[in-house]
């Protein structure tokens, strides 16, 4: 291993846990192995340790009483918060949803019934439209007399 080798990204992520003594045994052995062979890695660890020592020397800020009270009050409010089922809009929705469901079912059933009736039952207008070519020529057909005459005409090949 090179003396100029730095810690890997994974080792750098575990470095704080190593300095606090919270890293598992295999991770500790891995970092100690790199530190034993690389002076650059040791320098990185020493700088990080000094940074933490300097942070420990800083004064700890004191929170104001109002901050503490507001924080505790908001935490208590979260615990006291009513469940979703107790909200008025939820109770209303729970009461109205069966009625709304039945209304939707009725509208869909009415639409299906209307469509079936409209398409399935023949209308007088539909019969007239289907027979329009015959109705249009009704005057010509009425002059021919009866059906036998038309039948004879259709059998003759010369016409």
N, C-alpha and C. Protein backbone atom coordinates (compact mmCIF):
# COMPACT_ATOMS: atom_id res chain seq x y z
N UNK A 1 0.85 -1.17 0.00
CA UNK A 1 0.00 0.00 0.00
C UNK A 1 0.89 1.23 0.00
N UNK A 2 0.54 2.22 -0.75
CA UNK A 2 1.33 3.43 -0.89
C UNK A 2 1.23 4.30 0.36
N UNK A 3 2.34 5.01 0.65
CA UNK A 3 2.33 5.90 1.81
C UNK A 3 1.49 7.14 1.55
N UNK A 4 1.15 7.38 0.28
CA UNK A 4 0.35 8.56 -0.08
C UNK A 4 -1.12 8.22 -0.29
N UNK A 5 -1.50 7.01 0.06
CA UNK A 5 -2.89 6.59 -0.16
C UNK A 5 -3.82 7.31 0.82
N UNK A 6 -4.92 7.80 0.30
CA UNK A 6 -5.93 8.47 1.13
C UNK A 6 -7.00 7.46 1.49
N UNK A 7 -7.86 7.85 2.42
CA UNK A 7 -8.98 7.00 2.81
C UNK A 7 -10.00 6.95 1.67
N UNK A 8 -10.62 5.81 1.49
CA UNK A 8 -11.67 5.70 0.47
C UNK A 8 -12.90 6.48 0.94
N UNK A 9 -13.83 6.69 0.04
CA UNK A 9 -15.05 7.43 0.39
C UNK A 9 -15.83 6.71 1.48
N UNK A 10 -15.86 5.39 1.41
CA UNK A 10 -16.57 4.62 2.44
C UNK A 10 -15.87 4.74 3.79
N UNK A 11 -14.52 4.68 3.77
CA UNK A 11 -13.78 4.83 5.03
C UNK A 11 -13.94 6.24 5.60
N UNK A 12 -13.96 7.25 4.73
CA UNK A 12 -14.16 8.62 5.20
C UNK A 12 -15.53 8.78 5.85
N UNK A 13 -16.54 8.08 5.31
CA UNK A 13 -17.87 8.13 5.91
C UNK A 13 -17.88 7.49 7.29
N UNK A 14 -17.06 6.47 7.49
CA UNK A 14 -17.02 5.77 8.78
C UNK A 14 -16.01 6.38 9.75
N UNK A 15 -15.30 7.41 9.33
CA UNK A 15 -14.24 7.98 10.15
C UNK A 15 -14.76 8.59 11.45
N UNK A 16 -15.88 9.27 11.41
CA UNK A 16 -16.45 9.87 12.62
C UNK A 16 -16.81 8.79 13.62
N UNK A 17 -17.42 7.72 13.13
CA UNK A 17 -17.75 6.60 14.03
C UNK A 17 -16.48 5.98 14.59
N UNK A 18 -15.41 5.93 13.81
CA UNK A 18 -14.13 5.39 14.29
C UNK A 18 -13.58 6.26 15.42
N UNK A 19 -13.60 7.58 15.21
CA UNK A 19 -13.06 8.49 16.23
C UNK A 19 -13.89 8.46 17.51
N UNK A 20 -15.19 8.22 17.39
CA UNK A 20 -16.06 8.15 18.57
C UNK A 20 -16.05 6.76 19.19
N UNK A 21 -15.39 5.79 18.54
CA UNK A 21 -15.35 4.43 19.07
C UNK A 21 -16.64 3.67 18.84
N UNK A 22 -17.42 4.07 17.85
CA UNK A 22 -18.72 3.44 17.59
C UNK A 22 -18.70 2.52 16.37
N UNK A 23 -17.56 2.38 15.72
CA UNK A 23 -17.47 1.58 14.50
C UNK A 23 -17.32 0.10 14.86
N UNK A 24 -17.89 -0.77 14.05
CA UNK A 24 -17.78 -2.20 14.32
C UNK A 24 -16.33 -2.67 14.14
N UNK A 25 -16.06 -3.88 14.55
CA UNK A 25 -14.69 -4.39 14.62
C UNK A 25 -14.03 -4.48 13.25
N UNK A 26 -14.75 -4.95 12.24
CA UNK A 26 -14.14 -5.09 10.91
C UNK A 26 -13.85 -3.72 10.30
N UNK A 27 -14.73 -2.76 10.50
CA UNK A 27 -14.49 -1.41 10.00
C UNK A 27 -13.32 -0.76 10.71
N UNK A 28 -13.21 -1.00 12.02
CA UNK A 28 -12.10 -0.43 12.79
C UNK A 28 -10.78 -1.01 12.30
N UNK A 29 -10.72 -2.32 12.09
CA UNK A 29 -9.48 -2.94 11.59
C UNK A 29 -9.11 -2.40 10.21
N UNK A 30 -10.08 -2.19 9.40
CA UNK A 30 -9.82 -1.70 8.04
C UNK A 30 -9.21 -0.29 8.08
N UNK A 31 -9.83 0.60 8.87
CA UNK A 31 -9.32 1.97 8.95
C UNK A 31 -7.94 1.98 9.61
N UNK A 32 -7.75 1.19 10.66
CA UNK A 32 -6.44 1.15 11.33
C UNK A 32 -5.37 0.61 10.39
N UNK A 33 -5.72 -0.33 9.53
CA UNK A 33 -4.76 -0.84 8.55
C UNK A 33 -4.32 0.24 7.58
N UNK A 34 -5.28 1.03 7.10
CA UNK A 34 -4.95 2.13 6.18
C UNK A 34 -4.13 3.18 6.90
N UNK A 35 -4.50 3.50 8.14
CA UNK A 35 -3.77 4.52 8.91
C UNK A 35 -2.35 4.07 9.22
N UNK A 36 -2.15 2.77 9.45
CA UNK A 36 -0.81 2.27 9.75
C UNK A 36 0.12 2.33 8.56
N UNK A 37 -0.40 2.35 7.36
CA UNK A 37 0.44 2.31 6.17
C UNK A 37 0.50 3.63 5.41
N UNK A 38 -0.42 4.55 5.67
CA UNK A 38 -0.46 5.78 4.87
C UNK A 38 -0.35 7.00 5.77
N UNK A 39 0.68 7.79 5.51
CA UNK A 39 0.86 9.02 6.30
C UNK A 39 -0.18 10.07 5.92
N UNK A 40 -0.62 10.07 4.68
CA UNK A 40 -1.64 11.02 4.24
C UNK A 40 -2.95 10.74 4.96
N UNK A 41 -3.32 9.47 5.10
CA UNK A 41 -4.55 9.11 5.80
C UNK A 41 -4.45 9.49 7.27
N UNK A 42 -3.24 9.28 7.88
CA UNK A 42 -3.06 9.68 9.29
C UNK A 42 -3.22 11.18 9.45
N UNK A 43 -2.69 11.95 8.50
CA UNK A 43 -2.82 13.41 8.56
C UNK A 43 -4.29 13.81 8.48
N UNK A 44 -5.04 13.16 7.61
CA UNK A 44 -6.47 13.45 7.49
C UNK A 44 -7.19 13.18 8.81
N UNK A 45 -6.87 12.06 9.44
CA UNK A 45 -7.53 11.70 10.70
C UNK A 45 -7.14 12.67 11.80
N UNK A 46 -5.85 13.05 11.85
CA UNK A 46 -5.40 14.00 12.87
C UNK A 46 -6.10 15.35 12.70
N UNK A 47 -6.25 15.80 11.46
CA UNK A 47 -6.94 17.08 11.22
C UNK A 47 -8.39 17.00 11.65
N UNK A 48 -9.03 15.89 11.36
CA UNK A 48 -10.42 15.73 11.76
C UNK A 48 -10.54 15.67 13.28
N UNK A 49 -9.62 14.97 13.94
CA UNK A 49 -9.64 14.89 15.40
C UNK A 49 -9.42 16.27 16.01
N UNK A 50 -8.49 17.07 15.45
CA UNK A 50 -8.26 18.43 15.95
C UNK A 50 -9.49 19.30 15.73
N UNK A 51 -10.16 19.11 14.61
CA UNK A 51 -11.38 19.88 14.34
C UNK A 51 -12.43 19.59 15.39
N UNK A 52 -12.59 18.31 15.74
CA UNK A 52 -13.57 17.96 16.77
C UNK A 52 -13.16 18.50 18.13
N UNK A 53 -11.85 18.51 18.43
CA UNK A 53 -11.38 19.07 19.70
C UNK A 53 -11.68 20.56 19.77
N UNK A 54 -11.48 21.26 18.65
CA UNK A 54 -11.77 22.70 18.62
C UNK A 54 -13.27 22.94 18.77
N UNK A 55 -14.07 22.10 18.18
CA UNK A 55 -15.53 22.26 18.33
C UNK A 55 -15.95 22.05 19.78
N UNK A 56 -15.26 21.13 20.48
CA UNK A 56 -15.59 20.90 21.89
C UNK A 56 -15.24 22.10 22.75
N UNK A 57 -14.24 22.90 22.34
CA UNK A 57 -13.85 24.07 23.12
C UNK A 57 -14.82 25.24 22.96
N UNK A 58 -15.62 25.22 21.94
CA UNK A 58 -16.59 26.31 21.74
C UNK A 58 -17.64 26.26 22.83
N UNK A 59 -18.17 27.45 23.15
CA UNK A 59 -19.25 27.52 24.14
C UNK A 59 -20.51 26.87 23.57
N UNK A 60 -21.18 26.14 24.42
CA UNK A 60 -22.43 25.53 24.02
C UNK A 60 -23.52 26.58 24.11
N UNK A 61 -24.22 26.83 23.03
CA UNK A 61 -25.27 27.86 23.09
C UNK A 61 -26.42 27.40 23.98
N UNK A 62 -26.97 28.35 24.70
CA UNK A 62 -28.10 28.07 25.58
C UNK A 62 -29.39 28.49 24.87
N UNK A 63 -30.34 27.63 24.89
CA UNK A 63 -31.64 27.94 24.28
C UNK A 63 -32.45 28.77 25.27
N UNK A 64 -33.22 29.70 24.74
CA UNK A 64 -34.05 30.54 25.60
C UNK A 64 -35.19 29.71 26.18
N UNK A 65 -35.77 30.23 27.24
CA UNK A 65 -36.89 29.54 27.88
C UNK A 65 -38.07 29.42 26.92
N UNK A 66 -38.31 30.48 26.15
CA UNK A 66 -39.45 30.44 25.23
C UNK A 66 -39.25 29.37 24.15
N UNK A 67 -38.00 29.21 23.71
CA UNK A 67 -37.72 28.17 22.71
C UNK A 67 -38.02 26.80 23.28
N UNK A 68 -37.57 26.58 24.51
CA UNK A 68 -37.81 25.29 25.16
C UNK A 68 -39.30 25.04 25.33
N UNK A 69 -40.02 26.06 25.78
CA UNK A 69 -41.47 25.91 25.99
C UNK A 69 -42.20 25.65 24.68
N UNK A 70 -41.82 26.37 23.63
CA UNK A 70 -42.47 26.17 22.34
C UNK A 70 -42.19 24.77 21.78
N UNK A 71 -40.97 24.31 21.96
CA UNK A 71 -40.61 22.98 21.46
C UNK A 71 -41.39 21.90 22.19
N UNK A 72 -41.46 22.01 23.50
CA UNK A 72 -42.19 21.02 24.29
C UNK A 72 -43.68 21.09 23.99
N UNK A 73 -44.22 22.32 23.83
CA UNK A 73 -45.64 22.47 23.52
C UNK A 73 -45.97 21.86 22.16
N UNK A 74 -45.10 22.07 21.19
CA UNK A 74 -45.39 21.49 19.86
C UNK A 74 -45.26 19.96 19.90
N UNK A 75 -44.35 19.44 20.71
CA UNK A 75 -44.23 17.99 20.84
C UNK A 75 -45.48 17.41 21.51
N UNK A 76 -45.99 18.11 22.52
CA UNK A 76 -47.21 17.64 23.19
C UNK A 76 -48.40 17.73 22.24
N UNK A 77 -48.43 18.79 21.44
CA UNK A 77 -49.52 18.97 20.48
C UNK A 77 -49.55 17.82 19.47
N UNK A 78 -48.39 17.36 19.05
CA UNK A 78 -48.33 16.22 18.14
C UNK A 78 -48.91 14.97 18.78
N UNK A 79 -48.68 14.81 20.09
CA UNK A 79 -49.20 13.63 20.78
C UNK A 79 -50.70 13.73 20.97
N UNK A 80 -51.21 14.95 21.17
CA UNK A 80 -52.63 15.16 21.44
C UNK A 80 -53.44 15.24 20.16
N UNK A 81 -52.81 15.43 19.04
CA UNK A 81 -53.48 15.63 17.76
C UNK A 81 -54.53 14.53 17.53
N UNK A 82 -55.78 14.92 17.18
CA UNK A 82 -56.83 13.91 16.99
C UNK A 82 -56.55 13.07 15.74
N UNK A 83 -57.07 11.88 15.77
CA UNK A 83 -56.87 11.00 14.62
C UNK A 83 -57.70 11.49 13.44
N UNK A 84 -57.40 10.98 12.30
CA UNK A 84 -58.08 11.39 11.07
C UNK A 84 -59.57 11.09 11.13
N UNK A 85 -59.93 9.99 11.77
CA UNK A 85 -61.34 9.59 11.83
C UNK A 85 -62.17 10.53 12.70
N UNK A 86 -61.53 11.39 13.49
CA UNK A 86 -62.27 12.30 14.36
C UNK A 86 -62.49 13.68 13.74
N UNK A 87 -61.89 13.94 12.60
CA UNK A 87 -62.08 15.24 11.95
C UNK A 87 -63.51 15.34 11.44
N UNK A 88 -64.12 16.53 11.52
CA UNK A 88 -65.51 16.69 11.07
C UNK A 88 -65.70 16.37 9.59
N UNK A 89 -64.77 16.76 8.76
CA UNK A 89 -64.92 16.48 7.33
C UNK A 89 -64.87 14.99 7.05
N UNK A 90 -64.08 14.25 7.84
CA UNK A 90 -63.99 12.81 7.64
C UNK A 90 -65.28 12.13 8.07
N UNK A 91 -65.86 12.60 9.20
CA UNK A 91 -67.12 12.04 9.68
C UNK A 91 -68.22 12.30 8.64
N UNK A 92 -68.25 13.54 8.11
CA UNK A 92 -69.23 13.89 7.08
C UNK A 92 -69.05 13.01 5.84
N UNK A 93 -67.80 12.84 5.41
CA UNK A 93 -67.52 12.03 4.23
C UNK A 93 -67.93 10.57 4.45
N UNK A 94 -67.72 10.08 5.66
CA UNK A 94 -68.08 8.70 5.96
C UNK A 94 -69.60 8.52 5.93
N UNK A 95 -70.35 9.55 6.34
CA UNK A 95 -71.82 9.47 6.30
C UNK A 95 -72.36 9.60 4.89
N UNK A 96 -71.75 10.46 4.10
CA UNK A 96 -72.27 10.78 2.77
C UNK A 96 -71.80 9.77 1.71
N UNK A 97 -70.69 9.11 1.92
CA UNK A 97 -70.14 8.23 0.89
C UNK A 97 -71.08 7.10 0.47
N UNK A 98 -71.84 6.45 1.36
CA UNK A 98 -72.78 5.43 0.86
C UNK A 98 -73.86 6.02 -0.04
N UNK A 99 -74.34 7.20 0.32
CA UNK A 99 -75.36 7.86 -0.51
C UNK A 99 -74.77 8.23 -1.87
N UNK A 100 -73.57 8.77 -1.85
CA UNK A 100 -72.90 9.12 -3.11
C UNK A 100 -72.63 7.90 -3.96
N UNK A 101 -72.25 6.81 -3.32
CA UNK A 101 -72.01 5.56 -4.06
C UNK A 101 -73.27 5.06 -4.73
N UNK A 102 -74.38 5.07 -3.97
CA UNK A 102 -75.65 4.62 -4.56
C UNK A 102 -76.09 5.56 -5.68
N UNK A 103 -75.85 6.86 -5.51
CA UNK A 103 -76.23 7.81 -6.56
C UNK A 103 -75.45 7.53 -7.84
N UNK A 104 -74.17 7.24 -7.71
CA UNK A 104 -73.36 6.93 -8.89
C UNK A 104 -73.85 5.64 -9.55
N UNK A 105 -74.17 4.63 -8.74
CA UNK A 105 -74.68 3.37 -9.29
C UNK A 105 -75.99 3.61 -10.03
N UNK A 106 -76.87 4.43 -9.48
CA UNK A 106 -78.15 4.71 -10.12
C UNK A 106 -77.97 5.46 -11.44
N UNK A 107 -77.06 6.42 -11.47
CA UNK A 107 -76.81 7.17 -12.71
C UNK A 107 -76.25 6.25 -13.78
N UNK A 108 -75.32 5.39 -13.40
CA UNK A 108 -74.74 4.45 -14.37
C UNK A 108 -75.81 3.48 -14.87
N UNK A 109 -76.66 2.98 -13.97
CA UNK A 109 -77.72 2.05 -14.37
C UNK A 109 -78.71 2.75 -15.30
N UNK A 110 -79.04 4.01 -15.01
CA UNK A 110 -79.96 4.75 -15.87
C UNK A 110 -79.35 4.97 -17.25
N UNK A 111 -78.06 5.28 -17.30
CA UNK A 111 -77.40 5.49 -18.59
C UNK A 111 -77.37 4.21 -19.41
N UNK A 112 -77.09 3.09 -18.76
CA UNK A 112 -77.08 1.80 -19.47
C UNK A 112 -78.48 1.45 -19.95
N UNK A 113 -79.49 1.64 -19.10
CA UNK A 113 -80.87 1.36 -19.50
C UNK A 113 -81.32 2.23 -20.66
N UNK A 114 -80.98 3.50 -20.62
CA UNK A 114 -81.33 4.41 -21.71
C UNK A 114 -80.67 3.97 -23.01
N UNK A 115 -79.39 3.60 -22.93
CA UNK A 115 -78.68 3.18 -24.14
C UNK A 115 -79.28 1.91 -24.73
N UNK A 116 -79.58 0.94 -23.87
CA UNK A 116 -80.17 -0.31 -24.36
C UNK A 116 -81.53 -0.05 -24.99
N UNK A 117 -82.34 0.77 -24.35
CA UNK A 117 -83.67 1.07 -24.87
C UNK A 117 -83.58 1.82 -26.19
N UNK A 118 -82.69 2.75 -26.27
CA UNK A 118 -82.56 3.57 -27.47
C UNK A 118 -82.07 2.74 -28.65
N UNK A 119 -81.12 1.86 -28.39
CA UNK A 119 -80.55 1.07 -29.48
C UNK A 119 -81.31 -0.22 -29.76
N UNK A 120 -81.95 -0.79 -28.75
CA UNK A 120 -82.56 -2.10 -28.90
C UNK A 120 -84.00 -2.08 -29.35
N UNK A 121 -84.77 -1.08 -28.98
CA UNK A 121 -86.19 -1.02 -29.33
C UNK A 121 -86.33 -0.21 -30.61
N UNK A 122 -86.95 -0.78 -31.63
CA UNK A 122 -87.09 -0.03 -32.89
C UNK A 122 -88.07 1.14 -32.73
N UNK A 123 -87.75 2.23 -33.33
CA UNK A 123 -88.59 3.42 -33.31
C UNK A 123 -89.36 3.50 -34.63
N UNK A 124 -90.48 4.21 -34.61
CA UNK A 124 -91.27 4.39 -35.83
C UNK A 124 -90.46 5.10 -36.90
N UNK A 125 -89.66 6.05 -36.48
CA UNK A 125 -88.84 6.78 -37.44
C UNK A 125 -87.81 5.87 -38.10
N UNK A 126 -87.28 4.93 -37.34
CA UNK A 126 -86.30 4.00 -37.91
C UNK A 126 -86.93 3.14 -39.01
N UNK A 127 -88.16 2.70 -38.79
CA UNK A 127 -88.86 1.88 -39.79
C UNK A 127 -89.09 2.70 -41.05
N UNK A 128 -89.48 3.96 -40.89
CA UNK A 128 -89.69 4.82 -42.06
C UNK A 128 -88.38 5.04 -42.83
N UNK A 129 -87.29 5.22 -42.09
CA UNK A 129 -86.01 5.44 -42.76
C UNK A 129 -85.55 4.19 -43.52
N UNK A 130 -85.80 3.03 -42.96
CA UNK A 130 -85.41 1.79 -43.64
C UNK A 130 -86.22 1.58 -44.92
N UNK A 131 -87.48 2.00 -44.91
CA UNK A 131 -88.35 1.80 -46.07
C UNK A 131 -88.43 3.03 -46.96
N UNK A 132 -87.56 3.96 -46.81
CA UNK A 132 -87.60 5.20 -47.58
C UNK A 132 -87.54 4.96 -49.10
N UNK A 133 -86.69 4.09 -49.61
CA UNK A 133 -86.68 3.90 -51.07
C UNK A 133 -88.03 3.40 -51.60
N UNK A 134 -88.72 2.56 -50.85
CA UNK A 134 -90.03 2.06 -51.29
C UNK A 134 -91.05 3.19 -51.22
N UNK A 135 -91.02 3.96 -50.14
CA UNK A 135 -91.98 5.06 -49.97
C UNK A 135 -91.78 6.11 -51.06
N UNK A 136 -90.55 6.35 -51.40
CA UNK A 136 -90.24 7.36 -52.43
C UNK A 136 -90.85 6.97 -53.78
N UNK A 137 -90.87 5.70 -54.10
CA UNK A 137 -91.40 5.22 -55.37
C UNK A 137 -92.81 4.65 -55.24
N UNK A 138 -93.52 4.98 -54.18
CA UNK A 138 -94.84 4.41 -53.91
C UNK A 138 -95.84 4.72 -55.03
N UNK A 139 -95.78 5.92 -55.57
CA UNK A 139 -96.71 6.28 -56.65
C UNK A 139 -96.51 5.36 -57.87
N UNK A 140 -95.27 5.10 -58.20
CA UNK A 140 -94.99 4.24 -59.35
C UNK A 140 -95.47 2.82 -59.08
N UNK A 141 -95.23 2.34 -57.85
CA UNK A 141 -95.63 0.98 -57.50
C UNK A 141 -97.15 0.84 -57.45
N UNK A 142 -97.85 1.87 -57.04
CA UNK A 142 -99.31 1.76 -56.94
C UNK A 142 -99.97 1.69 -58.32
N UNK A 143 -99.34 2.24 -59.35
CA UNK A 143 -99.89 2.19 -60.71
C UNK A 143 -99.73 0.81 -61.35
N UNK A 144 -98.86 0.02 -60.83
CA UNK A 144 -98.59 -1.29 -61.44
C UNK A 144 -99.70 -2.28 -61.19
N UNK A 145 -100.52 -2.04 -60.24
CA UNK A 145 -101.62 -2.95 -59.99
C UNK A 145 -101.34 -3.81 -58.78
N UNK A 146 -100.98 -5.07 -59.05
CA UNK A 146 -100.77 -5.98 -57.92
C UNK A 146 -99.40 -6.65 -58.01
N UNK A 147 -99.18 -7.54 -57.12
CA UNK A 147 -97.89 -8.20 -56.99
C UNK A 147 -97.61 -9.15 -58.15
N UNK A 148 -98.61 -9.78 -58.67
CA UNK A 148 -98.40 -10.74 -59.74
C UNK A 148 -97.82 -10.07 -60.99
N UNK A 149 -98.26 -8.85 -61.26
CA UNK A 149 -97.74 -8.13 -62.42
C UNK A 149 -96.24 -7.86 -62.26
N UNK A 150 -95.86 -7.43 -61.07
CA UNK A 150 -94.44 -7.16 -60.82
C UNK A 150 -93.62 -8.44 -60.87
N UNK A 151 -94.22 -9.51 -60.41
CA UNK A 151 -93.52 -10.79 -60.42
C UNK A 151 -93.30 -11.25 -61.86
N UNK A 152 -94.27 -11.07 -62.72
CA UNK A 152 -94.13 -11.43 -64.13
C UNK A 152 -93.07 -10.58 -64.80
N UNK A 153 -93.03 -9.31 -64.46
CA UNK A 153 -92.01 -8.43 -65.05
C UNK A 153 -90.61 -8.87 -64.64
N UNK A 154 -90.46 -9.28 -63.42
CA UNK A 154 -89.12 -9.66 -62.96
C UNK A 154 -88.66 -10.97 -63.58
N UNK A 155 -89.59 -11.82 -64.03
CA UNK A 155 -89.22 -13.09 -64.62
C UNK A 155 -88.82 -12.95 -66.09
N UNK A 156 -89.33 -11.97 -66.72
CA UNK A 156 -89.02 -11.81 -68.14
C UNK A 156 -87.60 -11.31 -68.30
N UNK A 157 -86.88 -11.97 -69.14
CA UNK A 157 -85.46 -11.67 -69.31
C UNK A 157 -85.25 -10.54 -70.31
N UNK A 158 -86.17 -10.32 -71.18
CA UNK A 158 -85.98 -9.33 -72.22
C UNK A 158 -86.06 -7.91 -71.70
N UNK A 159 -86.68 -7.71 -70.61
CA UNK A 159 -86.80 -6.35 -70.08
C UNK A 159 -85.53 -6.00 -69.45
